[in-house]
Amino acid sequence: MFRPLTEDEKEAIERKKETFTGERLSLNFQDIEVRAVLQLLADFTGQNLVTSDTVTGRITLRLKNVPWDQALDIIMKTRGLAMRQNGNVMLIAPTEEIAAREKLELESQQQIEELAPLYSEYIQLNYAKAADIQTLLKSEDNQLLTPERGNVTVDERTNTLLVRDTAAKLEDIRRLVARLDIPVRQVLIESRVVIASDTFAKDIGVRFGATKRSELDNHFLDIGGAKPGYLNGTSGIADTSFVVAGDDEAETAEALMVNLPQTLSGARGGGINFILGKVGSYLLQLELSAMQQEGKGEVISSPRVITANQSKAVIKQGIEIPYQEASSSGATSVAFKEAVLKLEVTPQITPDDSVILDLEIQKDEADFTRSVLGVPPVNTQSVETSVLVENGETVVLGGVFERTDQTNTERVPFFGDLPYVGFLFKQELRRDENSELLIFVTPKILKAGLGLR
């Protein structure tokens, strides 16, 4: 019983098919010598042909409109032949003969390497670490050094390799070092850390807009979202009218770049603007507005660091808490433990100039309300993720929440405990806060000389 082939089976058959690209021909011979057919194919293609004396026998074939290289492949498989090509010269011989010849050549090459004189050479590296190249050269998988003869040492002070090997191996090592000893691309990591708290009755609005920059007669024109910090009254919602910048490019930059904290005037709140992404000449602008009504200030940090491609950058900011610890002998010493905000970023530049960011954020906070022997415990919150962003695009990390619910009561002794009138002699303060840690990370690929790309 027959059934039609599935799509997967058809794809598997297509993958098994060999691709032949030669000019098509037709052959129809009865009991012809193999050497004559090979000579005919050489004349048809214009290739130089060397046929071993051990190629003998006769063959019958009828091929119609097939590529010449496919016809040659069929003839060689039928008669147990193999081919090696060097430039436009084809060598055809029985498979066993070619295998034996290649084995002999390999053994001769090994003997030459064993007897070849050794030379020493100093190779100074400019960008790569000499110890890393040494490890690569000594790896048994790579076989870059002559076994039991080649050797490489490192002078760490001058970042220089001392290589001792045959002339052929030294040439291979020089080519390898030239490919690897190149400057590594660098990435500028800009981060903005915002702790948004309900203590100032925040109102965060998020709107996406497109901003196009054009230049006419040396005047810059930007049309986009609201100006930073421009809010309607006390509502905390930014004006959605378009903004047209003037001649001064600095005014244009205010609507595009992050600038924290913003100056507050009257009942207006602070504003946060930053570039989210780019599509050609258009910029996707994300605008955040926060309303402050209780006179509380945001906790903001804006560290920047430059790191090499695929190298980890660590940013830490916080305090070290001292505490006493006792040794087995009874002596005490002062030690420290960290309570910091730590950002670890490992960028990887892709071929299309996007950036893969491996991010790890940890926020530690000392809780002095629950101290033990004067040493507060450390509350830890962390976020770990990996994202793909375009060059200059901003990624926003959030989700680290904290809630504080605390009640303090102050009273006058005796009078504050009296029924019915005791409330006149005591005061109860309740603190209920919700906060979220928001981190904005922007990678920017640097050109040589630390210029922004």
Protein backbone atom coordinates (compact mmCIF):
# COMPACT_ATOMS: atom_id res chain seq x y z
CA MET A 1 0.00 0.00 0.00
CA PHE A 2 1.41 3.37 -1.06
CA ARG A 3 0.97 6.68 0.68
CA PRO A 4 2.00 10.21 -0.29
CA LEU A 5 5.20 11.58 1.20
CA THR A 6 4.90 14.04 4.07
CA GLU A 7 6.51 17.46 3.91
CA ASP A 8 9.21 16.39 6.36
CA GLU A 9 10.05 13.34 4.24
CA LYS A 10 10.22 15.50 1.09
CA GLU A 11 12.60 17.91 2.82
CA ALA A 12 14.77 15.01 4.01
CA ILE A 13 15.03 13.66 0.45
CA GLU A 14 15.92 17.11 -0.89
CA ARG A 15 18.66 17.48 1.70
CA LYS A 16 20.18 14.16 0.62
CA LYS A 17 20.33 15.22 -3.00
CA GLU A 18 23.78 16.36 -4.10
CA THR A 19 23.98 19.63 -5.97
CA PHE A 20 25.74 19.57 -9.35
CA THR A 21 26.37 22.78 -11.29
CA GLY A 22 28.33 21.65 -14.36
CA GLU A 23 27.30 22.17 -17.96
CA ARG A 24 24.87 19.50 -19.15
CA LEU A 25 25.72 16.79 -21.66
CA SER A 26 24.48 13.42 -22.89
CA LEU A 27 26.52 10.20 -23.04
CA ASN A 28 25.57 6.91 -24.73
CA PHE A 29 28.35 4.32 -24.88
CA GLN A 30 28.44 0.53 -24.96
CA ASP A 31 31.41 -1.23 -23.36
CA ILE A 32 33.80 1.74 -23.58
CA GLU A 33 37.08 2.04 -21.71
CA VAL A 34 36.87 4.10 -18.53
CA ARG A 35 40.03 6.06 -19.43
CA ALA A 36 38.44 7.09 -22.77
CA VAL A 37 35.30 8.40 -21.05
CA LEU A 38 37.39 10.38 -18.57
CA GLN A 39 39.40 11.89 -21.43
CA LEU A 40 36.15 12.83 -23.18
CA LEU A 41 34.90 14.66 -20.06
CA ALA A 42 38.24 16.47 -19.74
CA ASP A 43 37.98 17.67 -23.36
CA PHE A 44 34.37 18.79 -22.79
CA THR A 45 35.19 20.84 -19.67
CA GLY A 46 38.63 22.10 -20.63
CA GLN A 47 40.06 20.70 -17.39
CA ASN A 48 43.54 19.21 -17.12
CA LEU A 49 43.30 15.51 -16.32
CA VAL A 50 45.87 13.13 -14.81
CA THR A 51 44.70 9.51 -14.73
CA SER A 52 46.58 6.87 -12.76
CA ASP A 53 47.94 3.84 -14.63
CA THR A 54 45.92 1.62 -12.32
CA VAL A 55 42.64 2.95 -13.74
CA THR A 56 41.42 0.13 -16.01
CA GLY A 57 38.23 -1.57 -17.09
CA ARG A 58 35.29 -0.84 -19.32
CA ILE A 59 31.87 0.69 -18.69
CA THR A 60 28.46 0.94 -20.40
CA LEU A 61 26.44 4.08 -19.75
CA ARG A 62 23.52 6.06 -21.14
CA LEU A 63 23.09 9.51 -19.60
CA LYS A 64 20.86 12.17 -21.10
CA ASN A 65 21.10 15.89 -20.31
CA VAL A 66 22.96 15.61 -16.98
CA PRO A 67 25.62 17.94 -15.51
CA TRP A 68 29.12 16.79 -16.44
CA ASP A 69 30.24 16.74 -12.79
CA GLN A 70 27.33 14.40 -11.97
CA ALA A 71 28.34 12.10 -14.85
CA LEU A 72 31.92 12.07 -13.53
CA ASP A 73 30.70 11.28 -10.02
CA ILE A 74 28.61 8.34 -11.32
CA ILE A 75 31.54 6.90 -13.27
CA MET A 76 33.95 7.16 -10.29
CA LYS A 77 31.49 5.56 -7.85
CA THR A 78 30.79 2.74 -10.33
CA ARG A 79 34.49 1.92 -10.79
CA GLY A 80 35.69 2.65 -7.20
CA LEU A 81 37.65 5.74 -8.13
CA ALA A 82 38.34 8.99 -6.30
CA MET A 83 39.42 12.44 -7.41
CA ARG A 84 41.63 15.13 -5.93
CA GLN A 85 41.66 18.57 -7.56
CA ASN A 86 44.44 21.15 -7.39
CA GLY A 87 43.50 24.32 -9.25
CA ASN A 88 42.29 23.21 -12.70
CA VAL A 89 44.12 19.88 -12.56
CA MET A 90 42.15 16.72 -11.71
CA LEU A 91 43.90 13.58 -10.43
CA ILE A 92 41.80 10.40 -10.73
CA ALA A 93 42.94 7.10 -9.22
CA PRO A 94 41.46 4.15 -7.31
CA THR A 95 40.26 5.08 -3.82
CA GLU A 96 42.78 2.79 -2.10
CA GLU A 97 45.67 4.31 -4.04
CA ILE A 98 44.72 7.89 -3.14
CA ALA A 99 44.24 6.95 0.53
CA ALA A 100 47.65 5.26 0.66
CA ARG A 101 49.30 8.22 -1.09
CA GLU A 102 47.76 10.75 1.33
CA LYS A 103 48.79 8.62 4.31
CA LEU A 104 52.35 8.51 3.02
CA GLU A 105 52.39 12.28 2.50
CA LEU A 106 51.14 12.82 6.04
CA GLU A 107 53.82 10.57 7.51
CA SER A 108 56.49 12.34 5.47
CA GLN A 109 55.24 15.72 6.67
CA GLN A 110 55.39 14.53 10.27
CA GLN A 111 58.95 13.31 9.78
CA ILE A 112 59.90 16.67 8.28
CA GLU A 113 58.44 18.47 11.29
CA GLU A 114 60.34 16.17 13.66
CA LEU A 115 63.62 16.90 11.90
CA ALA A 116 63.04 20.55 10.98
CA PRO A 117 65.19 23.07 12.86
CA LEU A 118 63.60 25.10 15.64
CA TYR A 119 63.51 28.89 15.72
CA SER A 120 62.62 31.35 18.49
CA GLU A 121 60.57 34.48 18.05
CA TYR A 122 59.28 37.25 20.31
CA ILE A 123 55.72 38.38 19.62
CA GLN A 124 54.55 41.45 21.53
CA LEU A 125 50.81 41.85 21.92
CA ASN A 126 49.06 45.22 21.88
CA TYR A 127 45.48 44.45 22.94
CA ALA A 128 45.12 40.78 23.89
CA LYS A 129 46.57 39.30 27.07
CA ALA A 130 49.64 37.19 26.40
CA ALA A 131 48.54 34.62 28.99
CA ASP A 132 45.23 34.07 27.14
CA ILE A 133 47.02 33.53 23.81
CA GLN A 134 49.44 31.16 25.52
CA THR A 135 46.54 29.06 26.79
CA LEU A 136 45.07 28.96 23.29
CA LEU A 137 48.36 27.88 21.71
CA LYS A 138 48.96 25.14 24.26
CA SER A 139 45.49 23.67 23.89
CA GLU A 140 45.74 20.07 22.70
CA ASP A 141 42.58 20.44 20.63
CA ASN A 142 44.09 23.18 18.45
CA GLN A 143 47.47 21.49 17.77
CA LEU A 144 49.06 24.85 17.01
CA LEU A 145 52.44 23.81 18.39
CA THR A 146 54.56 20.92 17.14
CA PRO A 147 53.97 18.02 19.58
CA GLU A 148 56.82 17.52 22.04
CA ARG A 149 58.93 20.18 20.29
CA GLY A 150 57.07 23.48 20.21
CA ASN A 151 56.86 25.66 23.34
CA VAL A 152 55.54 29.08 24.32
CA THR A 153 56.20 31.19 27.42
CA VAL A 154 54.91 34.58 28.57
CA ASP A 155 56.58 37.72 29.86
CA GLU A 156 53.69 39.36 31.70
CA ARG A 157 55.61 42.58 32.35
CA THR A 158 55.90 43.40 28.63
CA ASN A 159 52.88 41.31 27.50
CA THR A 160 55.12 39.36 25.14
CA LEU A 161 55.07 35.78 23.86
CA LEU A 162 58.30 33.82 23.44
CA VAL A 163 57.57 31.07 20.91
CA ARG A 164 59.97 28.31 19.89
CA ASP A 165 58.93 26.04 16.99
CA THR A 166 59.52 25.24 13.34
CA ALA A 167 59.40 27.96 10.68
CA ALA A 168 56.07 26.70 9.31
CA LYS A 169 54.45 26.66 12.77
CA LEU A 170 55.81 30.12 13.57
CA GLU A 171 54.19 31.47 10.40
CA ASP A 172 50.84 29.92 11.42
CA ILE A 173 51.14 31.44 14.91
CA ARG A 174 51.95 34.89 13.50
CA ARG A 175 48.81 34.79 11.35
CA LEU A 176 46.72 33.68 14.31
CA VAL A 177 48.04 36.44 16.58
CA ALA A 178 47.38 39.04 13.87
CA ARG A 179 43.73 37.93 13.77
CA LEU A 180 43.26 37.91 17.54
CA ASP A 181 45.37 40.86 18.70
CA ILE A 182 42.87 43.56 17.74
CA PRO A 183 41.15 46.25 19.83
CA VAL A 184 37.95 45.06 21.47
CA ARG A 185 34.86 47.16 20.87
CA GLN A 186 33.63 49.04 23.92
CA VAL A 187 30.21 49.93 25.26
CA LEU A 188 29.21 52.90 27.39
CA ILE A 189 26.62 51.81 29.96
CA GLU A 190 24.43 54.66 31.23
CA SER A 191 21.99 53.84 34.00
CA ARG A 192 19.35 55.83 35.85
CA VAL A 193 18.09 54.54 39.18
CA VAL A 194 14.75 55.85 40.42
CA ILE A 195 13.00 54.79 43.61
CA ALA A 196 9.37 55.84 43.16
CA SER A 197 7.54 56.02 46.50
CA ASP A 198 3.90 56.61 47.43
CA THR A 199 5.00 59.06 50.10
CA PHE A 200 4.72 61.86 47.57
CA ALA A 201 1.51 60.53 45.94
CA LYS A 202 3.22 59.80 42.66
CA ASP A 203 1.38 59.74 39.40
CA ILE A 204 3.37 58.16 36.63
CA GLY A 205 2.04 58.47 33.07
CA VAL A 206 3.62 56.70 30.16
CA ARG A 207 3.04 57.78 26.59
CA PHE A 208 4.86 56.79 23.45
CA GLY A 209 5.62 59.35 20.77
CA ALA A 210 7.77 59.65 17.67
CA THR A 211 10.32 62.41 17.29
CA LYS A 212 11.86 63.30 13.96
CA ARG A 213 14.96 65.43 13.67
CA SER A 214 15.61 67.43 10.51
CA GLU A 215 18.06 70.17 9.63
CA LEU A 216 17.18 73.16 7.44
CA ASP A 217 19.61 76.06 6.90
CA ASN A 218 21.59 74.97 9.98
CA HIS A 219 18.42 75.16 12.13
CA PHE A 220 17.36 72.01 13.99
CA LEU A 221 13.66 71.13 14.07
CA ASP A 222 12.30 68.51 16.47
CA ILE A 223 8.65 67.57 16.77
CA GLY A 224 7.78 65.16 19.54
CA GLY A 225 6.24 64.67 22.98
CA ALA A 226 5.88 67.14 25.82
CA LYS A 227 8.76 69.17 27.22
CA PRO A 228 10.29 67.69 30.35
CA GLY A 229 8.64 68.83 33.52
CA TYR A 230 5.75 70.60 31.78
CA LEU A 231 2.61 69.48 33.61
CA ASN A 232 -0.96 70.70 33.53
CA GLY A 233 -1.76 72.28 36.88
CA THR A 234 -1.60 69.76 39.68
CA SER A 235 -3.00 66.79 37.79
CA GLY A 236 0.44 65.31 37.18
CA ILE A 237 -0.40 64.62 33.53
CA ALA A 238 2.01 66.15 31.04
CA ASP A 239 0.83 68.32 28.17
CA THR A 240 0.46 66.17 25.03
CA SER A 241 0.84 69.05 22.59
CA PHE A 242 3.76 68.92 20.17
CA VAL A 243 6.94 70.83 20.93
CA VAL A 244 8.88 72.61 18.20
CA ALA A 245 12.49 73.35 19.17
CA GLY A 246 14.26 76.51 18.15
CA ASP A 247 17.72 77.20 16.81
CA ASP A 248 19.45 76.12 19.99
CA GLU A 249 20.10 72.38 19.90
CA ALA A 250 20.36 72.33 23.69
CA GLU A 251 16.64 73.09 23.90
CA THR A 252 15.98 70.13 21.62
CA ALA A 253 18.08 67.85 23.79
CA GLU A 254 15.93 68.65 26.82
CA ALA A 255 13.04 66.82 25.22
CA LEU A 256 15.11 63.75 24.43
CA MET A 257 17.68 63.01 27.12
CA VAL A 258 17.34 61.93 30.72
CA ASN A 259 17.94 64.71 33.21
CA LEU A 260 17.25 63.80 36.82
CA PRO A 261 16.21 65.26 39.18
CA GLN A 262 13.97 67.93 37.72
CA THR A 263 13.54 71.31 39.45
CA LEU A 264 10.11 71.75 41.04
CA SER A 265 8.27 75.04 40.98
CA GLY A 266 4.90 75.64 42.60
CA ALA A 267 2.61 72.66 42.36
CA ARG A 268 4.30 71.26 39.28
CA GLY A 269 6.05 67.91 39.58
CA GLY A 270 9.29 66.64 38.13
CA GLY A 271 9.50 65.08 34.70
CA ILE A 272 11.63 62.31 33.29
CA ASN A 273 12.38 61.93 29.57
CA PHE A 274 14.67 59.50 27.79
CA ILE A 275 15.11 57.86 24.41
CA LEU A 276 13.55 54.41 24.21
CA GLY A 277 14.43 53.30 20.70
CA LYS A 278 15.28 54.31 17.15
CA VAL A 279 13.69 53.46 13.82
CA GLY A 280 15.72 55.08 11.05
CA SER A 281 15.63 58.83 11.63
CA TYR A 282 12.73 58.52 14.03
CA LEU A 283 13.12 58.26 17.77
CA LEU A 284 10.63 56.51 19.97
CA GLN A 285 10.38 58.74 23.02
CA LEU A 286 9.12 57.45 26.35
CA GLU A 287 8.01 60.23 28.69
CA LEU A 288 7.50 59.67 32.41
CA SER A 289 5.97 62.32 34.70
CA ALA A 290 5.92 62.15 38.50
CA MET A 291 3.78 64.42 40.71
CA GLN A 292 5.23 65.46 44.06
CA GLN A 293 2.75 66.89 46.55
CA GLU A 294 4.17 66.07 49.95
CA GLY A 295 7.62 67.65 49.69
CA LYS A 296 9.38 64.27 49.49
CA GLY A 297 12.33 63.90 47.11
CA GLU A 298 13.12 60.99 44.81
CA VAL A 299 16.18 58.85 45.51
CA ILE A 300 18.08 58.97 42.20
CA SER A 301 21.46 57.71 41.05
CA SER A 302 22.96 57.95 37.56
CA PRO A 303 26.21 55.95 37.30
CA ARG A 304 28.05 55.53 33.98
CA VAL A 305 30.75 53.04 33.08
CA ILE A 306 32.65 51.92 29.96
CA THR A 307 33.37 48.23 29.49
CA ALA A 308 34.75 46.04 26.73
CA ASN A 309 32.55 43.77 24.67
CA GLN A 310 31.58 40.63 26.66
CA SER A 311 33.28 41.97 29.80
CA LYS A 312 31.34 42.47 33.01
CA ALA A 313 30.89 45.98 34.40
CA VAL A 314 29.99 46.38 38.08
CA ILE A 315 28.52 49.54 39.61
CA LYS A 316 28.05 49.70 43.38
CA GLN A 317 26.73 52.46 45.57
CA GLY A 318 25.87 52.21 49.26
CA ILE A 319 27.37 51.85 52.71
CA GLU A 320 29.41 49.37 54.72
CA ILE A 321 27.98 48.54 58.13
CA PRO A 322 30.62 47.93 60.84
CA TYR A 323 30.12 45.21 63.40
CA GLN A 324 32.20 43.33 65.94
CA GLU A 325 33.03 39.67 65.59
CA ALA A 326 34.81 37.47 68.08
CA SER A 327 37.52 34.94 67.28
CA SER A 328 38.02 31.55 68.94
CA SER A 329 40.57 33.12 71.30
CA GLY A 330 38.01 35.63 72.58
CA ALA A 331 39.53 38.65 70.85
CA THR A 332 37.17 40.94 68.96
CA SER A 333 37.71 42.73 65.69
CA VAL A 334 35.68 45.07 63.52
CA ALA A 335 34.32 43.71 60.27
CA PHE A 336 32.07 45.26 57.64
CA LYS A 337 29.18 44.04 55.55
CA GLU A 338 27.82 45.84 52.54
CA ALA A 339 24.39 47.33 52.06
CA VAL A 340 24.63 48.57 48.49
CA LEU A 341 22.78 49.01 45.26
CA LYS A 342 24.75 46.91 42.76
CA LEU A 343 24.32 46.79 39.00
CA GLU A 344 26.20 44.16 36.98
CA VAL A 345 26.05 44.47 33.19
CA THR A 346 27.70 42.25 30.59
CA PRO A 347 27.19 43.59 27.05
CA GLN A 348 27.57 41.56 23.87
CA ILE A 349 27.63 43.41 20.55
CA THR A 350 25.82 41.56 17.75
CA PRO A 351 26.84 41.71 14.05
CA ASP A 352 24.00 44.17 13.33
CA ASP A 353 25.23 46.52 16.10
CA SER A 354 22.53 45.65 18.58
CA VAL A 355 23.53 44.85 22.17
CA ILE A 356 22.63 41.82 24.29
CA LEU A 357 22.65 42.85 27.94
CA ASP A 358 23.03 40.35 30.77
CA LEU A 359 21.74 42.37 33.72
CA GLU A 360 21.83 41.64 37.43
CA ILE A 361 20.56 44.24 39.88
CA GLN A 362 20.75 43.82 43.64
CA LYS A 363 19.45 46.33 46.17
CA ASP A 364 20.44 45.88 49.81
CA GLU A 365 18.98 47.99 52.58
CA ALA A 366 19.89 47.93 56.26
CA ASP A 367 16.89 47.55 58.58
CA PHE A 368 17.94 49.40 61.75
CA THR A 369 14.53 48.79 63.34
CA ARG A 370 15.40 45.10 63.83
CA SER A 371 19.03 45.40 64.92
CA VAL A 372 20.60 42.57 66.89
CA LEU A 373 23.37 43.73 69.24
CA GLY A 374 23.52 46.93 67.25
CA VAL A 375 23.95 45.14 63.91
CA PRO A 376 21.02 45.63 61.52
CA PRO A 377 19.91 42.87 59.16
CA VAL A 378 20.22 43.57 55.44
CA ASN A 379 17.12 43.24 53.26
CA THR A 380 18.04 42.13 49.73
CA GLN A 381 16.04 42.50 46.53
CA SER A 382 17.39 41.48 43.13
CA VAL A 383 16.46 41.28 39.47
CA GLU A 384 18.33 39.17 36.87
CA THR A 385 17.52 39.15 33.16
CA SER A 386 18.93 39.13 29.64
CA VAL A 387 17.57 41.48 26.96
CA LEU A 388 18.36 42.45 23.37
CA VAL A 389 18.28 46.19 22.65
CA GLU A 390 19.40 48.41 19.80
CA ASN A 391 22.37 50.71 20.10
CA GLY A 392 21.26 53.73 22.16
CA GLU A 393 17.95 52.14 23.19
CA THR A 394 16.88 52.20 26.82
CA VAL A 395 15.63 49.17 28.71
CA VAL A 396 13.52 49.67 31.84
CA LEU A 397 13.79 47.22 34.72
CA GLY A 398 11.28 47.20 37.54
CA GLY A 399 9.34 44.88 39.76
CA VAL A 400 11.33 45.29 42.98
CA PHE A 401 8.64 46.45 45.40
CA GLU A 402 8.82 47.32 49.08
CA ARG A 403 6.04 48.12 51.51
CA THR A 404 6.46 49.69 54.92
CA ASP A 405 3.54 49.72 57.42
CA GLN A 406 4.56 51.27 60.75
CA THR A 407 2.55 52.77 63.60
CA ASN A 408 4.12 55.00 66.31
CA THR A 409 2.17 56.12 69.38
CA GLU A 410 3.25 58.96 71.70
CA ARG A 411 1.28 59.58 74.92
CA VAL A 412 1.41 61.42 78.19
CA PRO A 413 1.88 58.95 81.06
CA PHE A 414 -1.32 58.15 82.98
CA PHE A 415 -3.47 60.69 81.14
CA GLY A 416 -3.05 58.97 77.83
CA ASP A 417 -4.56 55.77 79.29
CA LEU A 418 -7.73 57.41 80.64
CA PRO A 419 -10.95 56.19 79.04
CA TYR A 420 -12.92 58.56 76.78
CA VAL A 421 -10.48 61.47 77.18
CA GLY A 422 -7.16 59.62 76.75
CA PHE A 423 -7.03 60.45 73.03
CA LEU A 424 -6.53 64.11 74.00
CA PHE A 425 -3.17 63.22 75.58
CA LYS A 426 -1.71 60.92 72.91
CA GLN A 427 -0.74 61.06 69.27
CA GLU A 428 -0.70 58.14 66.85
CA LEU A 429 1.35 58.35 63.65
CA ARG A 430 0.94 55.72 60.94
CA ARG A 431 3.36 55.29 58.05
CA ASP A 432 2.21 53.29 55.04
CA GLU A 433 4.59 53.39 52.09
CA ASN A 434 4.86 51.49 48.84
CA SER A 435 8.00 51.92 46.73
CA GLU A 436 9.35 50.43 43.51
CA LEU A 437 12.89 50.38 42.21
CA LEU A 438 13.09 51.41 38.54
CA ILE A 439 16.35 51.18 36.63
CA PHE A 440 16.86 52.59 33.14
CA VAL A 441 19.88 51.14 31.30
CA THR A 442 21.12 52.56 27.97
CA PRO A 443 24.04 50.90 26.10
CA LYS A 444 25.95 52.98 23.53
CA ILE A 445 28.58 51.42 21.29
CA LEU A 446 31.82 53.40 21.20
CA LYS A 447 34.06 53.90 18.21
CA ALA A 448 37.82 53.94 18.43
CA GLY A 449 38.90 56.86 20.58
CA LEU A 450 35.82 56.48 22.79
CA GLY A 451 33.57 58.39 20.40
CA LEU A 452 29.90 57.52 20.47
CA ARG A 453 28.76 55.53 17.47
